[in-house]
Amino acid sequence: MWGEASVVDKVITEPEHRRKGLGSVVMSELDVLAAELGAVRAVLVATEAGLGLYGRLGWTVLSPLTAAHLAA
């Protein structure tokens, strides 16, 4: 939670468990928990690989995100 928003990031389904509905179950449970904790909005950070699942669950892209790393 961040204020009144739930933030979903770094949710991974291992390859051998993909395409079995697990991602939908996990996201649904996270949504229920966030609502119980008082969230009124949700923010999701997703990779291209997850866009199909999240789109089916009703999420929409508001802004693309680019990851960057600065070597020490």
C-alpha atoms as a PDB file:
ATOM      1  CA  MET A   1       0.000   0.000   0.000  1.00  0.00           C
ATOM      2  CA  TRP A   2       1.068   3.526  -0.768  1.00  0.00           C
ATOM      3  CA  GLY A   3      -1.425   5.930   0.691  1.00  0.00           C
ATOM      4  CA  GLU A   4      -4.816   4.858  -0.640  1.00  0.00           C
ATOM      5  CA  ALA A   5      -3.265   2.944  -3.554  1.00  0.00           C
ATOM      6  CA  SER A   6      -2.173  -0.648  -3.718  1.00  0.00           C
ATOM      7  CA  VAL A   7       0.998  -1.188  -5.738  1.00  0.00           C
ATOM      8  CA  VAL A   8       1.585  -4.496  -7.508  1.00  0.00           C
ATOM      9  CA  ASP A   9       5.140  -5.185  -8.685  1.00  0.00           C
ATOM     10  CA  LYS A  10       7.432  -8.159  -9.260  1.00  0.00           C
ATOM     11  CA  VAL A  11       4.748 -10.843  -9.431  1.00  0.00           C
ATOM     12  CA  ILE A  12       6.219 -13.852 -11.226  1.00  0.00           C
ATOM     13  CA  THR A  13       4.771 -17.202 -12.203  1.00  0.00           C
ATOM     14  CA  GLU A  14       7.464 -19.806 -12.791  1.00  0.00           C
ATOM     15  CA  PRO A  15       7.404 -21.229 -16.332  1.00  0.00           C
ATOM     16  CA  GLU A  16       6.170 -24.686 -15.321  1.00  0.00           C
ATOM     17  CA  HIS A  17       3.117 -23.153 -13.624  1.00  0.00           C
ATOM     18  CA  ARG A  18       2.088 -20.686 -16.334  1.00  0.00           C
ATOM     19  CA  ARG A  19      -1.175 -20.831 -18.313  1.00  0.00           C
ATOM     20  CA  LYS A  20      -3.018 -22.630 -15.492  1.00  0.00           C
ATOM     21  CA  GLY A  21      -4.945 -19.690 -14.037  1.00  0.00           C
ATOM     22  CA  LEU A  22      -2.590 -19.102 -11.112  1.00  0.00           C
ATOM     23  CA  GLY A  23      -1.826 -15.506 -12.117  1.00  0.00           C
ATOM     24  CA  SER A  24      -5.531 -14.682 -12.196  1.00  0.00           C
ATOM     25  CA  VAL A  25      -6.034 -16.192  -8.738  1.00  0.00           C
ATOM     26  CA  VAL A  26      -3.055 -14.333  -7.252  1.00  0.00           C
ATOM     27  CA  MET A  27      -4.134 -11.002  -8.736  1.00  0.00           C
ATOM     28  CA  SER A  28      -7.709 -11.513  -7.528  1.00  0.00           C
ATOM     29  CA  GLU A  29      -6.556 -12.266  -3.987  1.00  0.00           C
ATOM     30  CA  LEU A  30      -4.243  -9.239  -3.988  1.00  0.00           C
ATOM     31  CA  ASP A  31      -7.193  -7.097  -5.093  1.00  0.00           C
ATOM     32  CA  VAL A  32      -9.354  -8.416  -2.231  1.00  0.00           C
ATOM     33  CA  LEU A  33      -6.571  -7.844   0.319  1.00  0.00           C
ATOM     34  CA  ALA A  34      -5.907  -4.319  -0.946  1.00  0.00           C
ATOM     35  CA  ALA A  35      -9.606  -3.440  -0.677  1.00  0.00           C
ATOM     36  CA  GLU A  36      -9.712  -4.828   2.867  1.00  0.00           C
ATOM     37  CA  LEU A  37      -6.752  -2.581   3.721  1.00  0.00           C
ATOM     38  CA  GLY A  38      -8.557   0.481   2.346  1.00  0.00           C
ATOM     39  CA  ALA A  39      -7.130   0.845  -1.159  1.00  0.00           C
ATOM     40  CA  VAL A  40      -9.293   2.893  -3.489  1.00  0.00           C
ATOM     41  CA  ARG A  41      -7.019   2.568  -6.532  1.00  0.00           C
ATOM     42  CA  ALA A  42      -4.330   0.210  -7.752  1.00  0.00           C
ATOM     43  CA  VAL A  43      -1.068   0.697  -9.614  1.00  0.00           C
ATOM     44  CA  LEU A  44       0.586  -2.154 -11.481  1.00  0.00           C
ATOM     45  CA  VAL A  45       4.114  -2.330 -12.852  1.00  0.00           C
ATOM     46  CA  ALA A  46       4.133  -4.970 -15.591  1.00  0.00           C
ATOM     47  CA  THR A  47       6.410  -6.369 -18.265  1.00  0.00           C
ATOM     48  CA  GLU A  48       5.345  -6.952 -21.860  1.00  0.00           C
ATOM     49  CA  ALA A  49       4.984 -10.646 -20.974  1.00  0.00           C
ATOM     50  CA  GLY A  50       2.276  -9.878 -18.419  1.00  0.00           C
ATOM     51  CA  LEU A  51       0.200  -7.492 -20.531  1.00  0.00           C
ATOM     52  CA  GLY A  52      -2.082 -10.224 -21.891  1.00  0.00           C
ATOM     53  CA  LEU A  53      -3.032 -11.447 -18.423  1.00  0.00           C
ATOM     54  CA  TYR A  54      -3.477  -7.990 -16.978  1.00  0.00           C
ATOM     55  CA  GLY A  55      -5.538  -6.853 -19.963  1.00  0.00           C
ATOM     56  CA  ARG A  56      -7.872  -9.839 -19.492  1.00  0.00           C
ATOM     57  CA  LEU A  57      -8.236  -8.828 -15.838  1.00  0.00           C
ATOM     58  CA  GLY A  58      -9.318  -5.302 -16.787  1.00  0.00           C
ATOM     59  CA  TRP A  59      -6.075  -3.373 -16.314  1.00  0.00           C
ATOM     60  CA  THR A  60      -5.266  -0.644 -18.845  1.00  0.00           C
ATOM     61  CA  VAL A  61      -1.935   0.923 -19.740  1.00  0.00           C
ATOM     62  CA  LEU A  62      -1.761   4.555 -18.664  1.00  0.00           C
ATOM     63  CA  SER A  63       1.922   5.051 -19.288  1.00  0.00           C
ATOM     64  CA  PRO A  64       4.741   2.853 -20.540  1.00  0.00           C
ATOM     65  CA  LEU A  65       7.618   2.352 -18.122  1.00  0.00           C
ATOM     66  CA  THR A  66      11.261   1.966 -19.027  1.00  0.00           C
ATOM     67  CA  ALA A  67      13.668   0.312 -16.609  1.00  0.00           C
ATOM     68  CA  ALA A  68      17.189   1.612 -16.415  1.00  0.00           C
ATOM     69  CA  HIS A  69      20.281   0.680 -14.426  1.00  0.00           C
ATOM     70  CA  LEU A  70      23.328   2.786 -13.727  1.00  0.00           C
ATOM     71  CA  ALA A  71      26.406   0.656 -13.084  1.00  0.00           C
ATOM     72  CA  ALA A  72      28.327   1.603  -9.942  1.00  0.00           C
END
